[in-house]
């Protein structure tokens, strides 16, 4: 069977050409969003529609197979977690947490950065990094204004540490969901492999921020009283949500033994929270769910599913196979760095979507691709720190800093591409070096077959 697959993959045909052309055109449209002004979801939907039509005309794809190509585990899990967050934000719990941290730091800037960074990281383990910075970004600005210090180090640290923290768990970053679902990696296995590596990367970024922002963090601060700002607007719903999240963590840990996909845990948790939180309004909570992101995911799955059915990615994979078989460690580290560099320049989600079928194709041919899965997760996660466009979380942080600079007339508060290159890119490179060393030292652990 394997030799048959490989032989078929070696034969170039019109189906591969058409599917490859549609894939390339769609990705170019997605990656140049800032040039033409069309939202990336529009290009993803257009590419998916073209792929289904071309596939049906040429006999390699159809609407039924397109529906099966969508990874509903990722879509439902993201949708449920977004809704839970939209329920928690109005309770005032996140605000109270941020002000409590500011009060504990007592004006010591690096301690405040470390505490805020820890909170952002811990939250990013369960909630995606975009949501985390959307919550904490405005709060950081308020705290910095009260302390009369620049918010730039804290904003940059929030983006870098949320991107990094999200790599540690299956539900912390959308690419992790895609990788875990495709490779059938459960919550525990993902955290066991990524947790230690991410901890080292996190400490590396924290130390790097102390060095890179040494001057800013030494500035004198005022000592306002934050304790009066710690009151909750809706304590019942906030504590109910924390309880539900705690149970969800336990269920995420044992979901494999229960034969549940992660989306089942998320949807059950959301359902329970909706009944416990009697004040929760369904319509307002669902309004904050990013439907465009969910549509983007669904469209990407349909698009890549068509390319996979045409065997185009399998055809490409055959050229990578000899290199992977000859030196799996070098291939893993090279994939990590390539994924990071590309994710720093473009969005990591399309890159992950394109790589998954290639790795699955090599796995079906009997190659141990376990370390490649981990390298891909590390690369696309850490690579987001490389530029101000490397992740959606970064874009949000840059946007609110630009707004603040405009409102105050102080350009020093603006996080420019040059500033990010001087402060964020070194952090990315340091974490990649640390991750590569860990991958090299513990390669036997990372290369253990997953199944």
Protein backbone atom coordinates (compact mmCIF):
# COMPACT_ATOMS: atom_id res chain seq x y z
CA UNK A 1 0.00 0.00 0.00
CA UNK A 2 2.78 2.45 0.92
CA UNK A 3 4.64 1.95 -2.35
CA UNK A 4 1.41 2.49 -4.24
CA UNK A 5 0.82 5.79 -2.45
CA UNK A 6 4.35 6.95 -3.16
CA UNK A 7 4.11 5.94 -6.84
CA UNK A 8 0.84 7.83 -7.26
CA UNK A 9 2.37 10.88 -5.57
CA UNK A 10 5.21 10.92 -8.08
CA UNK A 11 2.84 11.38 -11.01
CA UNK A 12 2.17 15.06 -11.71
CA UNK A 13 -1.32 15.69 -13.11
CA UNK A 14 -3.84 18.44 -13.83
CA UNK A 15 -5.68 17.88 -10.56
CA UNK A 16 -2.52 18.68 -8.59
CA UNK A 17 -1.82 21.71 -10.78
CA UNK A 18 -5.30 23.20 -10.35
CA UNK A 19 -5.54 22.56 -6.61
CA UNK A 20 -2.00 23.88 -6.07
CA UNK A 21 -2.76 27.03 -8.08
CA UNK A 22 -5.95 27.72 -6.08
CA UNK A 23 -4.08 27.13 -2.81
CA UNK A 24 -1.24 29.46 -3.83
CA UNK A 25 -3.58 32.22 -5.07
CA UNK A 26 -5.65 32.04 -1.88
CA UNK A 27 -2.61 32.19 0.41
CA UNK A 28 -1.19 35.15 -1.54
CA UNK A 29 -4.52 36.94 -1.04
CA UNK A 30 -4.51 36.12 2.69
CA UNK A 31 -0.91 37.17 3.25
CA UNK A 32 -1.31 40.49 1.36
CA UNK A 33 -4.41 41.55 3.30
CA UNK A 34 -2.78 44.85 4.23
CA UNK A 35 -2.14 45.70 0.56
CA UNK A 36 -5.53 45.09 -1.11
CA UNK A 37 -7.74 45.76 1.93
CA UNK A 38 -9.89 42.60 1.66
CA UNK A 39 -10.28 40.69 4.91
CA UNK A 40 -8.45 37.36 4.89
CA UNK A 41 -11.67 35.47 5.59
CA UNK A 42 -13.06 36.63 2.22
CA UNK A 43 -10.10 35.13 0.39
CA UNK A 44 -10.31 31.92 2.42
CA UNK A 45 -14.02 31.56 1.57
CA UNK A 46 -13.38 32.36 -2.09
CA UNK A 47 -10.56 29.83 -2.29
CA UNK A 48 -12.67 27.15 -0.59
CA UNK A 49 -15.54 27.74 -3.03
CA UNK A 50 -13.21 27.56 -6.03
CA UNK A 51 -11.62 24.37 -4.69
CA UNK A 52 -15.00 22.64 -4.31
CA UNK A 53 -16.13 23.70 -7.80
CA UNK A 54 -12.84 22.73 -9.46
CA UNK A 55 -12.71 19.47 -7.52
CA UNK A 56 -16.21 18.50 -8.58
CA UNK A 57 -15.52 19.33 -12.24
CA UNK A 58 -12.25 17.38 -12.25
CA UNK A 59 -13.41 14.52 -10.05
CA UNK A 60 -11.12 14.86 -7.02
CA UNK A 61 -13.39 16.77 -4.58
CA UNK A 62 -17.06 17.50 -3.88
CA UNK A 63 -19.26 19.29 -1.29
CA UNK A 64 -19.69 16.13 0.80
CA UNK A 65 -15.94 15.59 1.12
CA UNK A 66 -15.52 19.31 1.79
CA UNK A 67 -17.90 19.05 4.75
CA UNK A 68 -15.91 16.11 6.12
CA UNK A 69 -12.66 18.06 5.67
CA UNK A 70 -13.72 20.68 8.24
CA UNK A 71 -12.22 19.93 11.65
CA UNK A 72 -15.30 20.64 13.74
CA UNK A 73 -13.38 19.92 16.94
CA UNK A 74 -11.35 23.11 16.37
CA UNK A 75 -14.35 25.21 15.30
CA UNK A 76 -16.63 24.21 18.20
CA UNK A 77 -13.84 24.42 20.79
CA UNK A 78 -12.86 27.93 19.72
CA UNK A 79 -16.48 29.09 19.56
CA UNK A 80 -17.30 27.75 23.04
CA UNK A 81 -14.17 29.24 24.64
CA UNK A 82 -14.85 32.64 23.02
CA UNK A 83 -18.37 32.61 24.46
CA UNK A 84 -17.12 31.74 27.95
CA UNK A 85 -14.70 34.68 27.81
CA UNK A 86 -17.43 37.06 26.62
CA UNK A 87 -19.47 36.02 29.67
CA UNK A 88 -16.54 36.60 32.05
CA UNK A 89 -15.38 40.04 30.83
CA UNK A 90 -18.41 42.11 32.03
CA UNK A 91 -18.15 40.65 35.56
CA UNK A 92 -15.13 42.87 36.30
CA UNK A 93 -13.06 39.92 37.48
CA UNK A 94 -10.18 40.46 35.08
CA UNK A 95 -10.03 44.15 35.99
CA UNK A 96 -9.95 43.33 39.70
CA UNK A 97 -7.14 40.82 39.11
CA UNK A 98 -5.04 43.38 37.20
CA UNK A 99 -5.51 46.08 39.85
CA UNK A 100 -4.69 43.60 42.61
CA UNK A 101 -1.42 42.76 40.85
CA UNK A 102 -0.60 46.46 40.53
CA UNK A 103 -1.29 46.96 44.25
CA UNK A 104 0.98 44.04 45.21
CA UNK A 105 3.89 45.38 43.11
CA UNK A 106 3.91 48.65 45.12
CA UNK A 107 5.46 50.59 42.24
CA UNK A 108 8.36 48.20 41.58
CA UNK A 109 8.30 48.08 37.82
CA UNK A 110 10.04 44.79 37.04
CA UNK A 111 7.98 43.02 39.71
CA UNK A 112 4.83 44.48 38.13
CA UNK A 113 5.98 43.33 34.68
CA UNK A 114 6.72 39.83 36.02
CA UNK A 115 3.38 39.57 37.86
CA UNK A 116 1.34 40.87 34.92
CA UNK A 117 3.33 38.59 32.61
CA UNK A 118 2.59 35.62 34.86
CA UNK A 119 -1.14 36.41 34.89
CA UNK A 120 -1.22 36.83 31.12
CA UNK A 121 0.68 33.56 30.63
CA UNK A 122 -1.50 31.53 33.00
CA UNK A 123 -4.68 32.83 31.35
CA UNK A 124 -3.18 32.09 27.92
CA UNK A 125 -2.86 28.44 28.92
CA UNK A 126 -6.64 28.12 28.77
CA UNK A 127 -7.87 31.11 26.78
CA UNK A 128 -6.29 31.99 23.43
CA UNK A 129 -3.60 34.69 23.44
CA UNK A 130 -5.67 37.17 21.41
CA UNK A 131 -8.43 37.15 24.02
CA UNK A 132 -5.88 37.54 26.80
CA UNK A 133 -4.29 40.70 25.38
CA UNK A 134 -7.69 42.15 24.47
CA UNK A 135 -8.57 41.85 28.16
CA UNK A 136 -5.27 43.04 29.64
CA UNK A 137 -4.07 45.61 27.06
CA UNK A 138 -6.42 48.45 28.13
CA UNK A 139 -5.90 47.56 31.81
CA UNK A 140 -2.11 47.84 31.42
CA UNK A 141 -2.51 51.34 29.99
CA UNK A 142 -4.73 52.40 32.92
CA UNK A 143 -2.26 51.00 35.46
CA UNK A 144 0.72 52.65 33.72
CA UNK A 145 -1.06 56.01 33.63
CA UNK A 146 -1.80 55.73 37.36
CA UNK A 147 1.88 54.92 38.05
CA UNK A 148 2.98 57.69 35.61
CA UNK A 149 5.27 55.33 33.64
CA UNK A 150 5.45 54.23 30.01
CA UNK A 151 3.10 51.30 29.20
CA UNK A 152 5.30 50.16 26.29
CA UNK A 153 7.39 47.55 28.20
CA UNK A 154 4.24 46.07 29.74
CA UNK A 155 2.27 46.01 26.49
CA UNK A 156 5.14 44.38 24.63
CA UNK A 157 5.67 41.87 27.44
CA UNK A 158 1.95 41.01 27.43
CA UNK A 159 2.03 40.20 23.72
CA UNK A 160 5.30 38.24 23.88
CA UNK A 161 4.39 36.25 27.00
CA UNK A 162 0.83 35.50 25.85
CA UNK A 163 2.16 34.21 22.51
CA UNK A 164 4.68 32.07 24.39
CA UNK A 165 2.32 30.84 27.10
CA UNK A 166 -0.24 29.75 24.53
CA UNK A 167 2.23 27.22 23.11
CA UNK A 168 2.13 25.12 26.29
CA UNK A 169 -1.37 23.67 26.03
CA UNK A 170 -3.67 22.15 23.47
CA UNK A 171 -6.22 24.94 23.88
CA UNK A 172 -3.82 27.88 24.31
CA UNK A 173 -3.29 28.75 20.66
CA UNK A 174 -5.37 28.00 17.52
CA UNK A 175 -2.46 26.25 15.69
CA UNK A 176 -2.15 23.91 18.71
CA UNK A 177 -5.81 22.92 18.30
CA UNK A 178 -5.20 22.18 14.63
CA UNK A 179 -2.04 20.14 15.32
CA UNK A 180 -3.55 18.26 18.27
CA UNK A 181 -6.72 17.40 16.40
CA UNK A 182 -4.87 16.27 13.24
CA UNK A 183 -2.24 14.22 15.10
CA UNK A 184 -4.66 12.93 17.78
CA UNK A 185 -2.62 14.44 20.62
CA UNK A 186 -4.50 14.65 23.92
CA UNK A 187 -4.32 17.51 26.43
CA UNK A 188 -1.91 15.75 28.81
CA UNK A 189 0.53 14.62 26.14
CA UNK A 190 0.65 18.10 24.66
CA UNK A 191 1.31 19.79 28.00
CA UNK A 192 3.91 17.21 29.09
CA UNK A 193 5.91 17.79 25.91
CA UNK A 194 5.49 21.55 25.66
CA UNK A 195 5.24 22.66 29.32
CA UNK A 196 8.92 22.50 30.28
CA UNK A 197 10.12 23.94 26.98
CA UNK A 198 7.67 26.84 27.24
CA UNK A 199 8.71 27.54 30.85
CA UNK A 200 12.33 27.96 29.73
CA UNK A 201 11.23 30.18 26.82
CA UNK A 202 9.04 32.24 29.20
CA UNK A 203 11.91 32.84 31.62
CA UNK A 204 14.15 33.73 28.68
CA UNK A 205 11.70 36.41 27.51
CA UNK A 206 11.27 37.80 31.03
CA UNK A 207 15.04 38.15 31.52
CA UNK A 208 15.38 39.62 28.03
CA UNK A 209 12.70 42.24 28.78
CA UNK A 210 14.52 43.30 31.95
CA UNK A 211 17.65 43.81 29.88
CA UNK A 212 16.01 45.37 26.80
CA UNK A 213 13.90 47.81 28.87
CA UNK A 214 16.45 48.42 31.62
CA UNK A 215 16.19 52.23 31.37
CA UNK A 216 12.36 52.36 31.29
CA UNK A 217 11.96 49.94 34.20
CA UNK A 218 14.26 52.01 36.45
CA UNK A 219 12.07 55.12 36.22
CA UNK A 220 10.47 56.38 39.44
CA UNK A 221 6.76 55.66 39.90
CA UNK A 222 3.92 57.10 41.97
CA UNK A 223 2.15 54.89 44.53
CA UNK A 224 -1.63 55.12 43.98
CA UNK A 225 -4.04 52.98 45.97
CA UNK A 226 -5.55 50.33 43.66
CA UNK A 227 -7.43 48.46 46.40
CA UNK A 228 -10.62 50.51 45.91
CA UNK A 229 -10.79 49.42 42.25
CA UNK A 230 -10.98 45.70 43.01
CA UNK A 231 -14.77 45.40 43.36
CA UNK A 232 -16.57 42.94 41.07
CA UNK A 233 -19.55 44.04 39.00
CA UNK A 234 -21.03 40.52 39.00
CA UNK A 235 -19.26 38.31 41.58
CA UNK A 236 -21.74 35.43 41.20
CA UNK A 237 -21.03 34.93 37.50
CA UNK A 238 -17.28 35.51 37.92
CA UNK A 239 -16.85 32.87 40.63
CA UNK A 240 -19.17 30.51 38.77
CA UNK A 241 -17.03 30.91 35.67
CA UNK A 242 -13.84 30.23 37.65
CA UNK A 243 -15.42 27.08 39.07
CA UNK A 244 -16.50 25.92 35.62
CA UNK A 245 -13.02 26.58 34.21
CA UNK A 246 -11.45 24.57 37.06
CA UNK A 247 -13.71 21.60 36.26
CA UNK A 248 -12.95 22.03 32.57
CA UNK A 249 -9.20 21.79 33.27
CA UNK A 250 -9.77 18.46 35.01
CA UNK A 251 -11.93 17.23 32.12
CA UNK A 252 -9.33 18.40 29.58
CA UNK A 253 -6.77 16.30 31.46
CA UNK A 254 -8.95 13.16 31.43
CA UNK A 255 -10.81 13.75 28.15
CA UNK A 256 -8.84 11.00 26.39
CA UNK A 257 -9.92 8.42 28.98
CA UNK A 258 -13.54 9.57 28.62
CA UNK A 259 -13.30 9.28 24.80
CA UNK A 260 -14.33 12.93 24.52
CA UNK A 261 -12.93 15.42 22.08
CA UNK A 262 -11.86 18.74 23.69
CA UNK A 263 -14.84 20.54 22.11
CA UNK A 264 -17.20 18.37 24.18
CA UNK A 265 -15.56 19.63 27.38
CA UNK A 266 -15.76 23.26 26.23
CA UNK A 267 -19.41 23.04 25.15
CA UNK A 268 -20.43 21.25 28.36
CA UNK A 269 -18.63 23.90 30.42
CA UNK A 270 -20.36 26.68 28.51
CA UNK A 271 -23.75 25.03 28.94
CA UNK A 272 -23.29 24.68 32.71
CA UNK A 273 -22.11 28.31 32.99
CA UNK A 274 -25.18 29.55 31.11
CA UNK A 275 -27.44 27.85 33.66
CA UNK A 276 -25.42 28.93 36.71
CA UNK A 277 -25.02 32.53 35.55
CA UNK A 278 -28.65 33.54 35.67
CA UNK A 279 -27.83 37.13 34.61
CA UNK A 280 -26.05 36.02 31.42
CA UNK A 281 -27.75 37.33 28.29
CA UNK A 282 -27.33 34.86 25.42
CA UNK A 283 -27.57 37.41 22.62
CA UNK A 284 -24.96 39.81 24.03
CA UNK A 285 -22.57 36.94 24.86
CA UNK A 286 -22.78 35.48 21.36
CA UNK A 287 -22.23 38.91 19.79
CA UNK A 288 -18.60 38.85 20.96
CA UNK A 289 -17.84 35.51 19.29
CA UNK A 290 -15.49 36.15 16.35
CA UNK A 291 -17.52 34.52 13.60
CA UNK A 292 -15.08 35.76 10.97
CA UNK A 293 -12.29 33.73 12.61
CA UNK A 294 -14.47 30.61 12.77
CA UNK A 295 -15.43 31.06 9.11
CA UNK A 296 -11.75 31.52 8.29
CA UNK A 297 -10.91 28.20 9.95
CA UNK A 298 -13.76 26.33 8.27
CA UNK A 299 -12.82 27.74 4.86
CA UNK A 300 -9.14 26.85 5.34
CA UNK A 301 -10.05 23.28 6.21
CA UNK A 302 -12.17 23.00 3.06
CA UNK A 303 -9.38 24.54 0.96
CA UNK A 304 -6.61 22.28 2.31
CA UNK A 305 -8.94 19.27 2.17
CA UNK A 306 -9.25 19.75 -1.59
CA UNK A 307 -5.49 20.00 -2.04
CA UNK A 308 -5.06 16.87 0.05
CA UNK A 309 -7.58 14.96 -2.08
CA UNK A 310 -5.72 15.95 -5.24
CA UNK A 311 -2.52 14.45 -3.68
CA UNK A 312 -0.60 17.68 -4.39
CA UNK A 313 0.76 17.94 -0.84
CA UNK A 314 1.66 14.26 -0.93
CA UNK A 315 3.58 14.97 -4.12
CA UNK A 316 5.51 17.75 -2.35
CA UNK A 317 6.07 15.56 0.69
CA UNK A 318 8.00 12.96 -1.29
CA UNK A 319 10.81 15.47 -1.85
CA UNK A 320 11.03 16.18 1.89
CA UNK A 321 10.92 12.52 2.92
CA UNK A 322 14.57 11.58 2.12
CA UNK A 323 15.89 14.51 4.16
CA UNK A 324 13.64 13.70 7.12
CA UNK A 325 14.65 10.03 7.05
CA UNK A 326 18.38 10.85 6.85
CA UNK A 327 18.50 13.27 9.84
CA UNK A 328 15.29 13.59 11.85
CA UNK A 329 16.85 15.87 14.51
CA UNK A 330 18.17 18.37 11.96
CA UNK A 331 14.87 18.26 10.05
CA UNK A 332 12.96 18.97 13.27
CA UNK A 333 15.11 21.96 14.23
CA UNK A 334 15.02 23.33 10.67
CA UNK A 335 11.22 23.03 10.61
CA UNK A 336 11.05 24.90 13.94
CA UNK A 337 13.12 27.79 12.61
CA UNK A 338 11.41 27.88 9.20
CA UNK A 339 7.97 27.86 10.85
CA UNK A 340 9.06 30.65 13.21
CA UNK A 341 10.52 32.88 10.49
CA UNK A 342 7.48 32.43 8.23
CA UNK A 343 5.08 32.96 11.15
CA UNK A 344 6.91 36.20 11.99
CA UNK A 345 6.23 37.47 8.46
CA UNK A 346 2.78 36.01 7.85
CA UNK A 347 -0.07 34.54 9.86
CA UNK A 348 0.77 31.20 11.47
CA UNK A 349 -2.66 29.63 10.96
CA UNK A 350 -2.49 29.19 7.14
CA UNK A 351 1.10 27.91 7.42
CA UNK A 352 0.00 25.34 10.01
CA UNK A 353 -2.95 24.32 7.83
CA UNK A 354 -0.62 23.75 4.87
CA UNK A 355 1.97 21.76 6.87
CA UNK A 356 -0.43 19.38 8.61
CA UNK A 357 -1.35 17.29 5.51
CA UNK A 358 2.33 17.06 4.51
CA UNK A 359 3.25 15.62 7.93
CA UNK A 360 0.22 13.31 7.87
CA UNK A 361 1.28 12.11 4.40
CA UNK A 362 4.77 11.23 5.66
CA UNK A 363 3.27 9.56 8.73
CA UNK A 364 1.09 7.37 6.47
CA UNK A 365 4.28 6.22 4.73
CA UNK A 366 5.70 4.91 7.99
CA UNK A 367 7.92 7.89 8.96
CA UNK A 368 8.12 8.89 12.64
CA UNK A 369 6.95 12.50 12.47
CA UNK A 370 6.41 12.96 16.24
CA UNK A 371 9.27 15.46 16.69
CA UNK A 372 8.09 17.37 13.62
CA UNK A 373 4.68 17.94 15.25
CA UNK A 374 6.37 19.42 18.33
CA UNK A 375 8.75 21.51 16.22
CA UNK A 376 5.83 22.87 14.20
CA UNK A 377 3.94 23.86 17.37
CA UNK A 378 7.00 25.57 18.86
CA UNK A 379 7.93 27.32 15.62
CA UNK A 380 4.53 28.81 14.79
CA UNK A 381 3.99 29.79 18.45
CA UNK A 382 7.35 31.40 19.19
CA UNK A 383 7.63 32.86 15.68
CA UNK A 384 4.66 35.11 16.35
CA UNK A 385 6.95 37.17 18.62
CA UNK A 386 9.28 38.09 15.77
CA UNK A 387 7.41 41.06 14.27
CA UNK A 388 4.48 43.34 15.04
CA UNK A 389 2.45 41.38 12.43
CA UNK A 390 3.47 37.94 13.70
CA UNK A 391 0.21 37.31 15.56
CA UNK A 392 -3.21 38.89 15.98
CA UNK A 393 -2.30 39.58 19.62
CA UNK A 394 0.67 41.66 18.46
CA UNK A 395 -1.47 43.63 16.00
CA UNK A 396 -3.94 44.48 18.78
CA UNK A 397 -1.18 45.66 21.13
CA UNK A 398 0.37 47.83 18.41
CA UNK A 399 -3.06 49.28 17.56
CA UNK A 400 -3.88 50.38 21.11
CA UNK A 401 -0.39 51.86 21.54
CA UNK A 402 -0.88 53.90 18.35
CA UNK A 403 -4.26 55.09 19.61
CA UNK A 404 -2.73 56.08 22.94
CA UNK A 405 0.10 57.98 21.23
CA UNK A 406 -2.42 59.86 19.11
CA UNK A 407 -4.66 60.72 22.07
CA UNK A 408 -1.79 61.95 24.26
CA UNK A 409 0.34 63.47 21.48
CA UNK A 410 3.31 61.48 22.79
CA UNK A 411 4.98 59.48 20.00
CA UNK A 412 7.20 57.62 22.49
CA UNK A 413 4.12 55.59 23.47
CA UNK A 414 3.78 54.21 19.93
CA UNK A 415 5.06 50.66 19.33
CA UNK A 416 6.55 51.02 15.86
CA UNK A 417 7.83 48.18 13.61
CA UNK A 418 11.37 49.40 14.38
CA UNK A 419 10.77 49.28 18.14
CA UNK A 420 9.34 45.77 17.86
CA UNK A 421 12.37 44.71 15.80
CA UNK A 422 14.72 45.98 18.51
CA UNK A 423 12.77 44.55 21.47
CA UNK A 424 10.61 41.68 20.17
CA UNK A 425 12.81 40.03 17.55
CA UNK A 426 15.72 39.41 19.98
CA UNK A 427 13.21 37.74 22.33
CA UNK A 428 12.03 35.44 19.51
CA UNK A 429 15.60 34.51 18.55
CA UNK A 430 16.55 33.78 22.17
CA UNK A 431 13.50 31.54 22.68
CA UNK A 432 14.24 29.66 19.44
CA UNK A 433 17.85 29.09 20.49
CA UNK A 434 16.68 27.83 23.91
CA UNK A 435 13.99 25.63 22.31
CA UNK A 436 16.48 24.17 19.82
CA UNK A 437 18.89 23.28 22.64
CA UNK A 438 16.09 21.59 24.58
CA UNK A 439 14.96 19.71 21.47
CA UNK A 440 18.55 18.54 20.91
CA UNK A 441 19.17 17.45 24.53
CA UNK A 442 15.81 15.70 24.96
CA UNK A 443 15.36 14.51 21.39
CA UNK A 444 14.69 10.92 22.45
CA UNK A 445 11.74 12.19 24.49
CA UNK A 446 10.33 14.36 21.67
CA UNK A 447 10.87 11.64 19.06
CA UNK A 448 8.89 8.99 20.95
CA UNK A 449 6.05 7.91 18.60
CA UNK A 450 2.71 9.35 19.60
CA UNK A 451 0.70 6.19 18.95
